[in-house]
Structures are given as C-alpha cells and as structure tokens.
Amino acid sequence: MALRVIASKERARVAARQGRLDLLPGRVRLWADNLMRPLALPFAGGFVSAVVLFAMLVPSFAFHPMTGHDVPFGLSTEPTFKDQVSFGFDSDTADFVVEVVVDGEGRMADFAVVQGPSLAQNPGLKRLIERKLLFTQFTPATMFGRPTSGKMYISFQRQQVNVKS
C-alpha cells in the first residue's frame, strides 16, 4: 500500500510538470528536462553565495568624508627663485614682465619680454636682463619628484626714491 501511495504522488508530480512543459515543442522540452534541471541548483547556489559575499563587502565601499587632516601631495611644482643677484636698472627704464624658461638644473634656458619695451630697440636693456637672469639661481620645476624644465614670469618694476630735506 505504501508503494502505491509513493507511485501516485510521483505520477501527480510528473503530470504537473508535464502540464507546464506541454506548451513547449519536443526539443525544447527535452532540453529543459535534461540540461536545466542539473544546472538550476548550482546556479541558485552560486547566485545566493555571490549576493551574500557582496553584502559582506558593501560596508567597506561606504563613502567616508575627508577630514581636515589630509596632507596635499604635490605631483608637480613650478620653478621658484633660489637666489638673486642685485643689478640695478636705469630710472628711465619702464616696467616690464619677462617669461623665463628654467631648465631641470635650475638655470635660465631662455627668456622673452612679454610686456614692456622691445629689446630690439634697446640692446643695453637686453644685456642687463640677460646678466641679471644668468646670475639668478632658480629651483627647477618638478614632475613626480624629478626636476624638469618649466616657465615662470618675472616682473621688473621701477623704484624711485624721493628724499626730501
């Protein structure tokens, strides 16, 4: 009698599955029976384990606002003055701005007047600028901690001293 009960339950289970698969053509039904059934349990297990592992890692991806204790890291710096020799300019020399190219060793490589008098018309001024820049020491620009060439702008201004007695 117990065997008959088990057989009828199995027949009802097969009939219910057949009822769902009756809508599919024969080859698809065979594919669903033979391939999908053995893959369903491993797929479900893999999906559940992936969701659990991701849920465990999500707290480490949380956004943490930066506090004021962050130290900036300079990936690149501009050239700067290290030491300057004092050469005077004539009092009639107008104010001007010079663009200086500083090489990786901290020396002037080239210069051009960006704003001010033309150097072609005033060769004496050109020699004064060259002399002042050649004897000026620069700290070279850096890129990722290594010295490299860079540009800087230098402004020369007239200074007038009025002494009244």
N, C-alpha and C. Protein backbone atom coordinates (compact mmCIF):
# COMPACT_ATOMS: atom_id res chain seq x y z
N MET A 1 0.82 -1.19 0.00
CA MET A 1 0.00 0.00 0.00
C MET A 1 0.87 1.27 0.00
N ALA A 2 2.00 1.26 0.76
CA ALA A 2 2.90 2.42 0.81
C ALA A 2 3.52 2.68 -0.55
N LEU A 3 3.82 1.61 -1.28
CA LEU A 3 4.39 1.77 -2.62
C LEU A 3 3.38 2.40 -3.57
N ARG A 4 2.13 2.06 -3.44
CA ARG A 4 1.11 2.66 -4.30
C ARG A 4 0.96 4.15 -4.02
N VAL A 5 1.04 4.55 -2.75
CA VAL A 5 0.93 5.97 -2.38
C VAL A 5 2.11 6.75 -2.97
N ILE A 6 3.31 6.20 -2.87
CA ILE A 6 4.50 6.87 -3.41
C ILE A 6 4.39 6.98 -4.92
N ALA A 7 3.92 5.91 -5.58
CA ALA A 7 3.79 5.91 -7.04
C ALA A 7 2.76 6.94 -7.48
N SER A 8 1.66 7.07 -6.77
CA SER A 8 0.64 8.05 -7.17
C SER A 8 1.14 9.48 -6.97
N LYS A 9 1.92 9.71 -5.90
CA LYS A 9 2.50 11.05 -5.71
C LYS A 9 3.48 11.38 -6.82
N GLU A 10 4.28 10.41 -7.21
CA GLU A 10 5.24 10.62 -8.30
C GLU A 10 4.51 10.87 -9.61
N ARG A 11 3.44 10.14 -9.85
CA ARG A 11 2.66 10.33 -11.08
C ARG A 11 2.05 11.73 -11.10
N ALA A 12 1.56 12.22 -9.97
CA ALA A 12 0.98 13.55 -9.89
C ALA A 12 2.05 14.61 -10.12
N ARG A 13 3.25 14.37 -9.57
CA ARG A 13 4.34 15.34 -9.78
C ARG A 13 4.76 15.38 -11.25
N VAL A 14 4.90 14.25 -11.88
CA VAL A 14 5.27 14.20 -13.30
C VAL A 14 4.18 14.81 -14.16
N ALA A 15 2.93 14.57 -13.83
CA ALA A 15 1.82 15.13 -14.60
C ALA A 15 1.79 16.65 -14.47
N ALA A 16 2.08 17.17 -13.29
CA ALA A 16 2.09 18.63 -13.11
C ALA A 16 3.23 19.25 -13.91
N ARG A 17 4.38 18.59 -13.91
CA ARG A 17 5.49 19.12 -14.69
C ARG A 17 5.21 19.00 -16.18
N GLN A 18 4.59 17.96 -16.58
CA GLN A 18 4.24 17.77 -17.99
C GLN A 18 3.23 18.81 -18.42
N GLY A 19 2.34 19.19 -17.53
CA GLY A 19 1.34 20.20 -17.86
C GLY A 19 1.99 21.54 -18.17
N ARG A 20 3.05 21.87 -17.44
CA ARG A 20 3.76 23.13 -17.71
C ARG A 20 4.59 23.01 -18.98
N LEU A 21 5.15 21.87 -19.25
CA LEU A 21 6.03 21.70 -20.40
C LEU A 21 5.26 21.35 -21.68
N ASP A 22 3.97 21.10 -21.58
CA ASP A 22 3.20 20.75 -22.77
C ASP A 22 3.13 21.90 -23.76
N LEU A 23 3.29 23.11 -23.29
CA LEU A 23 3.23 24.26 -24.18
C LEU A 23 4.47 24.37 -25.05
N LEU A 24 5.58 23.71 -24.67
CA LEU A 24 6.83 23.80 -25.41
C LEU A 24 6.93 22.68 -26.43
N PRO A 25 7.67 22.93 -27.56
CA PRO A 25 7.90 21.86 -28.53
C PRO A 25 8.77 20.76 -27.93
N GLY A 26 8.85 19.64 -28.59
CA GLY A 26 9.52 18.46 -28.07
C GLY A 26 10.99 18.67 -27.74
N ARG A 27 11.74 19.31 -28.63
CA ARG A 27 13.17 19.50 -28.39
C ARG A 27 13.44 20.44 -27.21
N VAL A 28 12.65 21.51 -27.11
CA VAL A 28 12.82 22.45 -26.02
C VAL A 28 12.47 21.77 -24.70
N ARG A 29 11.43 20.95 -24.70
CA ARG A 29 11.04 20.22 -23.51
C ARG A 29 12.15 19.28 -23.06
N LEU A 30 12.77 18.59 -24.02
CA LEU A 30 13.87 17.69 -23.71
C LEU A 30 15.07 18.47 -23.16
N TRP A 31 15.37 19.62 -23.76
CA TRP A 31 16.47 20.48 -23.30
C TRP A 31 16.20 20.97 -21.87
N ALA A 32 14.98 21.40 -21.62
CA ALA A 32 14.61 21.90 -20.30
C ALA A 32 14.74 20.78 -19.26
N ASP A 33 14.34 19.58 -19.63
CA ASP A 33 14.42 18.46 -18.68
C ASP A 33 15.86 18.04 -18.42
N ASN A 34 16.63 17.86 -19.48
CA ASN A 34 17.96 17.26 -19.35
C ASN A 34 19.06 18.27 -18.97
N LEU A 35 18.93 19.51 -19.37
CA LEU A 35 20.01 20.45 -19.13
C LEU A 35 19.72 21.40 -17.98
N MET A 36 18.55 21.97 -17.98
CA MET A 36 18.26 22.99 -16.99
C MET A 36 18.08 22.42 -15.59
N ARG A 37 17.58 21.26 -15.48
CA ARG A 37 17.37 20.67 -14.16
C ARG A 37 18.68 20.47 -13.41
N PRO A 38 19.74 19.90 -14.05
CA PRO A 38 21.00 19.75 -13.32
C PRO A 38 21.71 21.09 -13.06
N LEU A 39 21.43 22.11 -13.85
CA LEU A 39 22.11 23.39 -13.68
C LEU A 39 21.38 24.34 -12.72
N ALA A 40 20.14 24.08 -12.44
CA ALA A 40 19.35 25.00 -11.63
C ALA A 40 19.89 25.11 -10.20
N LEU A 41 20.20 24.00 -9.59
CA LEU A 41 20.69 24.04 -8.21
C LEU A 41 22.07 24.70 -8.09
N PRO A 42 23.06 24.38 -8.95
CA PRO A 42 24.35 25.08 -8.86
C PRO A 42 24.22 26.58 -9.17
N PHE A 43 23.36 26.93 -10.11
CA PHE A 43 23.16 28.34 -10.44
C PHE A 43 22.56 29.10 -9.25
N ALA A 44 21.56 28.52 -8.63
CA ALA A 44 20.94 29.16 -7.48
C ALA A 44 21.93 29.27 -6.32
N GLY A 45 22.74 28.24 -6.10
CA GLY A 45 23.74 28.29 -5.04
C GLY A 45 24.79 29.36 -5.31
N GLY A 46 25.25 29.46 -6.54
CA GLY A 46 26.23 30.48 -6.90
C GLY A 46 25.67 31.88 -6.76
N PHE A 47 24.42 32.07 -7.17
CA PHE A 47 23.79 33.38 -7.08
C PHE A 47 23.63 33.81 -5.62
N VAL A 48 23.17 32.89 -4.78
CA VAL A 48 22.98 33.21 -3.36
C VAL A 48 24.32 33.51 -2.70
N SER A 49 25.37 32.73 -3.00
CA SER A 49 26.68 33.00 -2.39
C SER A 49 27.25 34.32 -2.88
N ALA A 50 27.04 34.71 -4.14
CA ALA A 50 27.51 36.00 -4.64
C ALA A 50 26.79 37.14 -3.93
N VAL A 51 25.50 37.02 -3.72
CA VAL A 51 24.75 38.06 -3.02
C VAL A 51 25.24 38.19 -1.58
N VAL A 52 25.50 37.08 -0.91
CA VAL A 52 25.96 37.11 0.48
C VAL A 52 27.35 37.75 0.56
N LEU A 53 28.27 37.37 -0.34
CA LEU A 53 29.62 37.95 -0.32
C LEU A 53 29.58 39.43 -0.64
N PHE A 54 28.76 39.84 -1.58
CA PHE A 54 28.65 41.26 -1.91
C PHE A 54 28.08 42.04 -0.73
N ALA A 55 27.11 41.47 -0.05
CA ALA A 55 26.53 42.14 1.12
C ALA A 55 27.56 42.28 2.23
N MET A 56 28.50 41.36 2.33
CA MET A 56 29.55 41.48 3.34
C MET A 56 30.57 42.55 2.96
N LEU A 57 30.79 42.80 1.65
CA LEU A 57 31.77 43.78 1.21
C LEU A 57 31.21 45.20 1.11
N VAL A 58 29.91 45.35 1.03
CA VAL A 58 29.31 46.68 0.84
C VAL A 58 29.72 47.67 1.93
N PRO A 59 29.81 47.32 3.19
CA PRO A 59 30.21 48.32 4.19
C PRO A 59 31.62 48.89 3.94
N SER A 60 32.52 48.13 3.31
CA SER A 60 33.85 48.66 3.04
C SER A 60 33.85 49.64 1.88
N PHE A 61 32.80 49.67 1.07
CA PHE A 61 32.69 50.61 -0.04
C PHE A 61 32.00 51.91 0.37
N ALA A 62 31.67 52.05 1.62
CA ALA A 62 30.93 53.22 2.07
C ALA A 62 31.76 54.49 1.89
N PHE A 63 31.09 55.59 1.66
CA PHE A 63 31.74 56.88 1.48
C PHE A 63 32.12 57.45 2.83
N HIS A 64 33.38 57.78 2.98
CA HIS A 64 33.87 58.40 4.21
C HIS A 64 34.29 59.82 3.87
N PRO A 65 33.66 60.83 4.44
CA PRO A 65 34.05 62.21 4.12
C PRO A 65 35.46 62.51 4.62
N MET A 66 36.20 63.34 3.83
CA MET A 66 37.56 63.69 4.21
C MET A 66 37.54 64.64 5.39
N THR A 67 38.46 64.43 6.27
CA THR A 67 38.61 65.34 7.40
C THR A 67 39.67 66.36 7.06
N GLY A 68 39.92 67.29 7.92
CA GLY A 68 40.89 68.34 7.68
C GLY A 68 42.32 67.92 7.90
N HIS A 69 42.60 66.64 8.11
CA HIS A 69 43.95 66.16 8.39
C HIS A 69 44.66 65.67 7.14
N ASP A 70 44.13 65.94 5.97
CA ASP A 70 44.74 65.47 4.73
C ASP A 70 45.93 66.36 4.37
N VAL A 71 47.04 65.74 4.04
CA VAL A 71 48.24 66.48 3.64
C VAL A 71 48.29 66.45 2.11
N PRO A 72 48.34 67.62 1.45
CA PRO A 72 48.37 67.61 -0.01
C PRO A 72 49.70 67.05 -0.52
N PHE A 73 49.62 66.34 -1.60
CA PHE A 73 50.79 65.73 -2.22
C PHE A 73 51.00 66.40 -3.56
N GLY A 74 52.10 67.12 -3.72
CA GLY A 74 52.35 67.84 -4.96
C GLY A 74 52.95 66.93 -6.01
N LEU A 75 52.19 66.63 -7.04
CA LEU A 75 52.71 65.82 -8.13
C LEU A 75 53.60 66.64 -9.04
N SER A 76 53.38 67.95 -9.08
CA SER A 76 54.24 68.82 -9.87
C SER A 76 54.33 70.17 -9.18
N THR A 77 55.48 70.81 -9.34
CA THR A 77 55.69 72.14 -8.79
C THR A 77 56.23 73.05 -9.89
N GLU A 78 56.11 74.33 -9.68
CA GLU A 78 56.60 75.32 -10.63
C GLU A 78 58.00 75.77 -10.20
N PRO A 79 58.79 76.30 -11.14
CA PRO A 79 60.10 76.82 -10.73
C PRO A 79 59.95 78.04 -9.82
N THR A 80 60.91 78.23 -8.92
CA THR A 80 60.89 79.35 -7.99
C THR A 80 62.29 79.95 -7.89
N PHE A 81 62.36 81.15 -7.29
CA PHE A 81 63.65 81.79 -7.04
C PHE A 81 64.38 81.07 -5.93
N LYS A 82 65.68 80.91 -6.11
CA LYS A 82 66.51 80.37 -5.04
C LYS A 82 67.41 81.48 -4.50
N ASP A 83 68.09 82.18 -5.41
CA ASP A 83 68.98 83.26 -5.02
C ASP A 83 69.03 84.27 -6.16
N GLN A 84 69.12 85.53 -5.82
CA GLN A 84 69.07 86.57 -6.83
C GLN A 84 70.21 87.56 -6.61
N VAL A 85 70.85 87.94 -7.71
CA VAL A 85 71.92 88.92 -7.66
C VAL A 85 71.31 90.28 -7.92
N SER A 86 71.76 91.28 -7.21
CA SER A 86 71.19 92.61 -7.33
C SER A 86 71.89 93.39 -8.43
N PHE A 87 71.19 93.69 -9.50
CA PHE A 87 71.65 94.58 -10.56
C PHE A 87 70.60 95.65 -10.72
N GLY A 88 70.99 96.87 -10.79
CA GLY A 88 70.03 97.95 -10.92
C GLY A 88 69.72 98.25 -12.37
N PHE A 89 68.57 98.86 -12.61
CA PHE A 89 68.17 99.31 -13.93
C PHE A 89 68.13 100.83 -13.92
N ASP A 90 68.22 101.40 -15.10
CA ASP A 90 68.16 102.85 -15.20
C ASP A 90 66.80 103.33 -14.73
N SER A 91 66.75 104.53 -14.23
CA SER A 91 65.49 105.08 -13.73
C SER A 91 64.51 105.37 -14.86
N ASP A 92 65.01 105.47 -16.11
CA ASP A 92 64.09 105.74 -17.22
C ASP A 92 63.55 104.44 -17.83
N THR A 93 63.99 103.29 -17.33
CA THR A 93 63.50 102.02 -17.85
C THR A 93 62.08 101.80 -17.36
N ALA A 94 61.21 101.47 -18.32
CA ALA A 94 59.81 101.23 -17.96
C ALA A 94 59.65 99.88 -17.27
N ASP A 95 58.52 99.69 -16.62
CA ASP A 95 58.22 98.39 -16.01
C ASP A 95 58.01 97.37 -17.12
N PHE A 96 58.44 96.11 -16.88
CA PHE A 96 58.24 95.07 -17.88
C PHE A 96 58.15 93.71 -17.21
N VAL A 97 57.59 92.75 -17.96
CA VAL A 97 57.41 91.38 -17.48
C VAL A 97 58.16 90.45 -18.42
N VAL A 98 58.94 89.54 -17.85
CA VAL A 98 59.76 88.61 -18.62
C VAL A 98 59.30 87.19 -18.35
N GLU A 99 59.14 86.41 -19.43
CA GLU A 99 58.85 84.98 -19.30
C GLU A 99 60.18 84.25 -19.37
N VAL A 100 60.52 83.50 -18.33
CA VAL A 100 61.80 82.81 -18.24
C VAL A 100 61.56 81.31 -18.30
N VAL A 101 62.33 80.61 -19.15
CA VAL A 101 62.30 79.15 -19.20
C VAL A 101 63.46 78.66 -18.35
N VAL A 102 63.15 77.91 -17.29
CA VAL A 102 64.15 77.38 -16.36
C VAL A 102 64.35 75.91 -16.67
N ASP A 103 65.62 75.49 -16.88
CA ASP A 103 65.88 74.08 -17.20
C ASP A 103 65.82 73.22 -15.93
N GLY A 104 66.07 71.92 -16.09
CA GLY A 104 65.97 70.98 -14.98
C GLY A 104 67.06 71.13 -13.93
N GLU A 105 68.09 71.95 -14.22
CA GLU A 105 69.17 72.16 -13.25
C GLU A 105 69.04 73.49 -12.53
N GLY A 106 67.97 74.24 -12.81
CA GLY A 106 67.73 75.49 -12.11
C GLY A 106 68.41 76.69 -12.74
N ARG A 107 68.74 76.61 -14.02
CA ARG A 107 69.36 77.74 -14.72
C ARG A 107 68.42 78.24 -15.80
N MET A 108 68.58 79.53 -16.15
CA MET A 108 67.77 80.11 -17.21
C MET A 108 68.17 79.49 -18.55
N ALA A 109 67.20 79.00 -19.31
CA ALA A 109 67.47 78.46 -20.64
C ALA A 109 67.12 79.48 -21.72
N ASP A 110 66.06 80.25 -21.50
CA ASP A 110 65.63 81.24 -22.48
C ASP A 110 64.73 82.25 -21.78
N PHE A 111 64.56 83.42 -22.41
CA PHE A 111 63.65 84.41 -21.86
C PHE A 111 63.07 85.22 -23.00
N ALA A 112 61.94 85.83 -22.73
CA ALA A 112 61.28 86.72 -23.69
C ALA A 112 60.50 87.76 -22.90
N VAL A 113 60.52 88.99 -23.41
CA VAL A 113 59.76 90.06 -22.77
C VAL A 113 58.31 89.92 -23.20
N VAL A 114 57.43 89.74 -22.25
CA VAL A 114 56.01 89.55 -22.54
C VAL A 114 55.29 90.89 -22.56
N GLN A 115 55.68 91.76 -21.66
CA GLN A 115 55.03 93.07 -21.56
C GLN A 115 56.10 94.10 -21.25
N GLY A 116 56.17 95.15 -22.04
CA GLY A 116 57.14 96.20 -21.80
C GLY A 116 57.85 96.60 -23.07
N PRO A 117 59.02 97.25 -22.96
CA PRO A 117 59.73 97.76 -24.13
C PRO A 117 60.31 96.64 -24.99
N SER A 118 60.46 96.91 -26.25
CA SER A 118 61.04 95.94 -27.18
C SER A 118 62.54 95.87 -26.96
N LEU A 119 63.08 94.67 -26.91
CA LEU A 119 64.52 94.50 -26.69
C LEU A 119 65.31 94.78 -27.96
N ALA A 120 64.68 94.72 -29.12
CA ALA A 120 65.37 95.01 -30.38
C ALA A 120 65.76 96.49 -30.43
N GLN A 121 64.96 97.34 -29.85
CA GLN A 121 65.24 98.78 -29.87
C GLN A 121 66.18 99.19 -28.73
N ASN A 122 66.38 98.33 -27.74
CA ASN A 122 67.18 98.69 -26.57
C ASN A 122 68.13 97.54 -26.23
N PRO A 123 69.28 97.42 -26.96
CA PRO A 123 70.20 96.31 -26.69
C PRO A 123 70.84 96.39 -25.31
N GLY A 124 70.99 97.57 -24.76
CA GLY A 124 71.56 97.70 -23.41
C GLY A 124 70.66 97.06 -22.38
N LEU A 125 69.35 97.26 -22.52
CA LEU A 125 68.39 96.65 -21.61
C LEU A 125 68.42 95.13 -21.73
N LYS A 126 68.58 94.63 -22.96
CA LYS A 126 68.64 93.18 -23.19
C LYS A 126 69.85 92.58 -22.45
N ARG A 127 71.01 93.26 -22.53
CA ARG A 127 72.20 92.78 -21.82
C ARG A 127 72.00 92.80 -20.31
N LEU A 128 71.34 93.84 -19.79
CA LEU A 128 71.08 93.91 -18.35
C LEU A 128 70.17 92.75 -17.90
N ILE A 129 69.13 92.50 -18.69
CA ILE A 129 68.21 91.39 -18.34
C ILE A 129 68.95 90.06 -18.39
N GLU A 130 69.71 89.85 -19.47
CA GLU A 130 70.46 88.60 -19.59
C GLU A 130 71.40 88.41 -18.41
N ARG A 131 72.14 89.44 -18.04
CA ARG A 131 73.08 89.36 -16.93
C ARG A 131 72.36 89.05 -15.62
N LYS A 132 71.26 89.74 -15.40
CA LYS A 132 70.50 89.51 -14.16
C LYS A 132 69.97 88.08 -14.10
N LEU A 133 69.45 87.58 -15.22
CA LEU A 133 68.87 86.23 -15.23
C LEU A 133 69.93 85.14 -15.22
N LEU A 134 71.09 85.39 -15.85
CA LEU A 134 72.15 84.38 -15.85
C LEU A 134 72.72 84.16 -14.46
N PHE A 135 72.76 85.20 -13.65
CA PHE A 135 73.33 85.07 -12.31
C PHE A 135 72.27 84.80 -11.25
N THR A 136 71.03 84.64 -11.67
CA THR A 136 69.96 84.29 -10.74
C THR A 136 69.86 82.77 -10.67
N GLN A 137 69.75 82.24 -9.46
CA GLN A 137 69.60 80.80 -9.28
C GLN A 137 68.13 80.48 -9.03
N PHE A 138 67.66 79.46 -9.71
CA PHE A 138 66.26 79.04 -9.59
C PHE A 138 66.20 77.63 -9.02
N THR A 139 65.10 77.32 -8.39
CA THR A 139 64.78 75.94 -8.04
C THR A 139 63.95 75.40 -9.20
N PRO A 140 64.39 74.32 -9.85
CA PRO A 140 63.67 73.86 -11.05
C PRO A 140 62.29 73.32 -10.72
N ALA A 141 61.46 73.29 -11.73
CA ALA A 141 60.13 72.68 -11.59
C ALA A 141 60.31 71.18 -11.40
N THR A 142 59.34 70.55 -10.77
CA THR A 142 59.40 69.09 -10.59
C THR A 142 58.13 68.45 -11.11
N MET A 143 58.29 67.25 -11.62
CA MET A 143 57.17 66.44 -12.06
C MET A 143 57.36 65.06 -11.44
N PHE A 144 56.47 64.68 -10.53
CA PHE A 144 56.56 63.43 -9.78
C PHE A 144 57.89 63.33 -9.04
N GLY A 145 58.38 64.47 -8.49
CA GLY A 145 59.59 64.48 -7.70
C GLY A 145 60.88 64.62 -8.48
N ARG A 146 60.82 64.59 -9.81
CA ARG A 146 62.03 64.72 -10.63
C ARG A 146 62.11 66.12 -11.21
N PRO A 147 63.31 66.72 -11.22
CA PRO A 147 63.45 68.06 -11.78
C PRO A 147 63.17 68.05 -13.29
N THR A 148 62.49 69.09 -13.74
CA THR A 148 62.16 69.23 -15.15
C THR A 148 62.15 70.71 -15.50
N SER A 149 62.08 71.02 -16.77
CA SER A 149 62.05 72.43 -17.16
C SER A 149 60.65 73.00 -16.94
N GLY A 150 60.61 74.31 -16.76
CA GLY A 150 59.33 74.97 -16.55
C GLY A 150 59.45 76.45 -16.87
N LYS A 151 58.32 77.13 -16.89
CA LYS A 151 58.27 78.56 -17.19
C LYS A 151 57.82 79.33 -15.97
N MET A 152 58.34 80.53 -15.84
CA MET A 152 57.89 81.43 -14.79
C MET A 152 57.93 82.85 -15.31
N TYR A 153 57.14 83.71 -14.74
CA TYR A 153 57.06 85.12 -15.13
C TYR A 153 57.68 85.97 -14.03
N ILE A 154 58.54 86.89 -14.46
CA ILE A 154 59.20 87.79 -13.52
C ILE A 154 58.85 89.22 -13.91
N SER A 155 58.45 89.99 -12.94
CA SER A 155 58.08 91.38 -13.17
C SER A 155 59.19 92.28 -12.64
N PHE A 156 59.73 93.14 -13.52
CA PHE A 156 60.73 94.13 -13.12
C PHE A 156 60.02 95.47 -13.05
N GLN A 157 60.17 96.14 -11.92
CA GLN A 157 59.49 97.42 -11.74
C GLN A 157 60.49 98.49 -11.34
N ARG A 158 60.18 99.67 -11.76
CA ARG A 158 61.00 100.83 -11.42
C ARG A 158 60.84 101.17 -9.95
N GLN A 159 61.91 101.55 -9.35
CA GLN A 159 61.83 102.02 -7.96
C GLN A 159 62.38 103.44 -7.93
N GLN A 160 61.60 104.31 -7.40
CA GLN A 160 62.03 105.68 -7.28
C GLN A 160 62.04 106.04 -5.80
N VAL A 161 63.14 106.63 -5.40
CA VAL A 161 63.26 107.05 -4.00
C VAL A 161 63.31 108.57 -4.00
N ASN A 162 62.36 109.19 -3.37
CA ASN A 162 62.32 110.65 -3.25
C ASN A 162 62.75 111.02 -1.82
N VAL A 163 63.82 111.75 -1.74
CA VAL A 163 64.32 112.19 -0.44
C VAL A 163 64.06 113.67 -0.32
N LYS A 164 63.37 114.05 0.69
CA LYS A 164 63.07 115.46 0.90
C LYS A 164 63.83 115.95 2.12
N SER A 165 64.39 117.11 2.01
CA SER A 165 65.11 117.64 3.16
C SER A 165 64.42 118.84 3.74
